[in-house]
Amino acid sequence: MTFSEEDLPPRKKKRLEPPVLDTLGVEELQLYITELQEEIRRVEAEIKAKQAHAAAAALFFKPPGA
C-alpha cells in the first residue's frame, strides 16, 4: 500500500525561518529587531483592517430591529 502527501495530516508551516543569531553582530541584531517590529506593525494593521471589515459586515447583515 502506498501513501501520498494527501494521506498525511497537515503540517504546521513556519512563517519565518529565524536566522542563526550566533553569527550576527550587535548592529545586525538591532537591524533584525527593527525588521521584526516593522513586520509586527504590518500584521497588526492587517488584523485591524479585517476586524473593521468583519464589523461592517456584521452591521450589514444584522437583522432588522436587533
N, C-alpha and C. Protein backbone atom coordinates (compact mmCIF):
# COMPACT_ATOMS: atom_id res chain seq x y z
N MET A 1 0.85 -1.17 0.00
CA MET A 1 0.00 0.00 0.00
C MET A 1 0.89 1.24 0.00
N THR A 2 0.59 2.19 -0.84
CA THR A 2 1.39 3.42 -0.91
C THR A 2 0.59 4.60 -0.36
N PHE A 3 1.31 5.54 0.15
CA PHE A 3 0.69 6.75 0.71
C PHE A 3 1.09 7.95 -0.12
N SER A 4 0.19 8.90 -0.18
CA SER A 4 0.51 10.15 -0.85
C SER A 4 0.55 11.27 0.19
N GLU A 5 0.98 12.44 -0.23
CA GLU A 5 1.02 13.60 0.67
C GLU A 5 -0.37 13.91 1.22
N GLU A 6 -1.39 13.65 0.43
CA GLU A 6 -2.77 13.95 0.83
C GLU A 6 -3.23 13.07 1.99
N ASP A 7 -2.61 11.90 2.15
CA ASP A 7 -3.00 10.98 3.22
C ASP A 7 -2.43 11.41 4.57
N LEU A 8 -1.40 12.24 4.56
CA LEU A 8 -0.77 12.67 5.80
C LEU A 8 -1.51 13.85 6.42
N PRO A 9 -1.49 13.96 7.75
CA PRO A 9 -2.12 15.12 8.38
C PRO A 9 -1.36 16.39 8.00
N PRO A 10 -2.06 17.52 7.91
CA PRO A 10 -1.36 18.76 7.52
C PRO A 10 -0.32 19.15 8.57
N ARG A 11 0.81 19.64 8.10
CA ARG A 11 1.88 20.09 8.99
C ARG A 11 1.75 21.58 9.23
N LYS A 12 2.15 21.99 10.43
CA LYS A 12 2.20 23.42 10.69
C LYS A 12 3.38 23.99 9.92
N LYS A 13 3.12 25.04 9.20
CA LYS A 13 4.17 25.66 8.41
C LYS A 13 4.74 26.84 9.19
N LYS A 14 6.06 26.90 9.29
CA LYS A 14 6.69 28.04 9.93
C LYS A 14 6.53 29.25 9.03
N ARG A 15 6.18 30.35 9.63
CA ARG A 15 6.01 31.59 8.87
C ARG A 15 7.36 32.19 8.50
N LEU A 16 8.25 32.21 9.45
CA LEU A 16 9.57 32.79 9.23
C LEU A 16 10.64 31.78 9.62
N GLU A 17 11.70 31.77 8.88
CA GLU A 17 12.83 30.93 9.24
C GLU A 17 13.81 31.82 9.99
N PRO A 18 13.91 31.66 11.31
CA PRO A 18 14.77 32.55 12.08
C PRO A 18 16.24 32.34 11.75
N PRO A 19 16.98 33.43 11.69
CA PRO A 19 18.41 33.29 11.41
C PRO A 19 19.16 32.74 12.62
N VAL A 20 20.34 32.23 12.37
CA VAL A 20 21.20 31.78 13.46
C VAL A 20 21.78 33.05 14.08
N LEU A 21 21.41 33.32 15.33
CA LEU A 21 21.80 34.57 15.96
C LEU A 21 23.27 34.63 16.34
N ASP A 22 23.88 33.47 16.54
CA ASP A 22 25.29 33.43 16.94
C ASP A 22 26.20 34.11 15.92
N THR A 23 25.80 34.10 14.67
CA THR A 23 26.66 34.62 13.61
C THR A 23 26.46 36.11 13.36
N LEU A 24 25.48 36.73 14.03
CA LEU A 24 25.18 38.14 13.80
C LEU A 24 25.86 39.02 14.83
N GLY A 25 26.31 40.19 14.38
CA GLY A 25 26.88 41.18 15.28
C GLY A 25 25.78 42.00 15.93
N VAL A 26 26.16 42.89 16.82
CA VAL A 26 25.19 43.71 17.56
C VAL A 26 24.37 44.56 16.60
N GLU A 27 25.01 45.21 15.65
CA GLU A 27 24.27 46.06 14.70
C GLU A 27 23.30 45.23 13.86
N GLU A 28 23.73 44.05 13.46
CA GLU A 28 22.85 43.18 12.67
C GLU A 28 21.67 42.70 13.52
N LEU A 29 21.90 42.43 14.78
CA LEU A 29 20.81 42.02 15.67
C LEU A 29 19.81 43.16 15.87
N GLN A 30 20.32 44.39 16.00
CA GLN A 30 19.44 45.54 16.16
C GLN A 30 18.61 45.76 14.89
N LEU A 31 19.23 45.58 13.74
CA LEU A 31 18.50 45.69 12.46
C LEU A 31 17.44 44.60 12.37
N TYR A 32 17.77 43.41 12.81
CA TYR A 32 16.82 42.29 12.80
C TYR A 32 15.61 42.62 13.68
N ILE A 33 15.86 43.19 14.85
CA ILE A 33 14.77 43.59 15.74
C ILE A 33 13.88 44.62 15.06
N THR A 34 14.50 45.60 14.40
CA THR A 34 13.74 46.63 13.69
C THR A 34 12.86 46.00 12.60
N GLU A 35 13.42 45.07 11.86
CA GLU A 35 12.66 44.39 10.81
C GLU A 35 11.48 43.62 11.40
N LEU A 36 11.70 42.94 12.51
CA LEU A 36 10.61 42.20 13.15
C LEU A 36 9.52 43.14 13.66
N GLN A 37 9.92 44.27 14.23
CA GLN A 37 8.94 45.24 14.72
C GLN A 37 8.11 45.80 13.58
N GLU A 38 8.75 46.07 12.45
CA GLU A 38 8.01 46.54 11.26
C GLU A 38 7.02 45.49 10.79
N GLU A 39 7.42 44.24 10.82
CA GLU A 39 6.52 43.15 10.40
C GLU A 39 5.36 43.03 11.37
N ILE A 40 5.61 43.19 12.66
CA ILE A 40 4.54 43.14 13.66
C ILE A 40 3.54 44.26 13.41
N ARG A 41 4.04 45.48 13.14
CA ARG A 41 3.13 46.60 12.84
C ARG A 41 2.30 46.32 11.59
N ARG A 42 2.91 45.73 10.58
CA ARG A 42 2.19 45.41 9.34
C ARG A 42 1.08 44.39 9.59
N VAL A 43 1.39 43.37 10.38
CA VAL A 43 0.40 42.35 10.70
C VAL A 43 -0.73 42.92 11.56
N GLU A 44 -0.37 43.76 12.54
CA GLU A 44 -1.39 44.38 13.39
C GLU A 44 -2.33 45.26 12.57
N ALA A 45 -1.80 45.98 11.57
CA ALA A 45 -2.63 46.81 10.70
C ALA A 45 -3.59 45.93 9.90
N GLU A 46 -3.11 44.79 9.45
CA GLU A 46 -3.97 43.87 8.69
C GLU A 46 -5.07 43.30 9.58
N ILE A 47 -4.73 42.99 10.81
CA ILE A 47 -5.74 42.49 11.76
C ILE A 47 -6.82 43.54 11.97
N LYS A 48 -6.42 44.80 12.19
CA LYS A 48 -7.40 45.88 12.38
C LYS A 48 -8.29 46.04 11.16
N ALA A 49 -7.71 45.95 9.97
CA ALA A 49 -8.50 46.08 8.75
C ALA A 49 -9.51 44.94 8.64
N LYS A 50 -9.09 43.73 8.96
CA LYS A 50 -10.00 42.59 8.90
C LYS A 50 -11.10 42.69 9.95
N GLN A 51 -10.75 43.18 11.14
CA GLN A 51 -11.76 43.36 12.19
C GLN A 51 -12.78 44.43 11.78
N ALA A 52 -12.31 45.51 11.17
CA ALA A 52 -13.22 46.56 10.69
C ALA A 52 -14.13 46.01 9.61
N HIS A 53 -13.58 45.21 8.72
CA HIS A 53 -14.38 44.61 7.65
C HIS A 53 -15.44 43.68 8.25
N ALA A 54 -15.05 42.87 9.22
CA ALA A 54 -16.00 41.95 9.86
C ALA A 54 -17.09 42.72 10.60
N ALA A 55 -16.72 43.83 11.25
CA ALA A 55 -17.71 44.63 11.97
C ALA A 55 -18.70 45.26 11.00
N ALA A 56 -18.20 45.75 9.87
CA ALA A 56 -19.08 46.33 8.85
C ALA A 56 -20.02 45.27 8.29
N ALA A 57 -19.51 44.09 8.05
CA ALA A 57 -20.34 43.01 7.52
C ALA A 57 -21.39 42.62 8.55
N ALA A 58 -21.03 42.59 9.83
CA ALA A 58 -21.98 42.23 10.88
C ALA A 58 -23.11 43.26 10.93
N LEU A 59 -22.78 44.55 10.78
CA LEU A 59 -23.82 45.58 10.79
C LEU A 59 -24.72 45.44 9.56
N PHE A 60 -24.14 45.12 8.43
CA PHE A 60 -24.90 45.00 7.20
C PHE A 60 -25.89 43.84 7.27
N PHE A 61 -25.45 42.73 7.86
CA PHE A 61 -26.30 41.55 7.93
C PHE A 61 -27.07 41.43 9.22
N LYS A 62 -27.07 42.49 10.03
CA LYS A 62 -27.80 42.49 11.28
C LYS A 62 -29.31 42.46 10.98
N PRO A 63 -30.04 41.58 11.67
CA PRO A 63 -31.49 41.51 11.42
C PRO A 63 -32.17 42.83 11.83
N PRO A 64 -33.21 43.22 11.10
CA PRO A 64 -33.93 44.45 11.44
C PRO A 64 -34.48 44.37 12.87
N GLY A 65 -34.35 45.47 13.58
CA GLY A 65 -34.88 45.54 14.94
C GLY A 65 -34.01 44.88 15.98
N ALA A 66 -32.87 44.37 15.59
CA ALA A 66 -32.00 43.70 16.56
C ALA A 66 -31.02 44.66 17.19
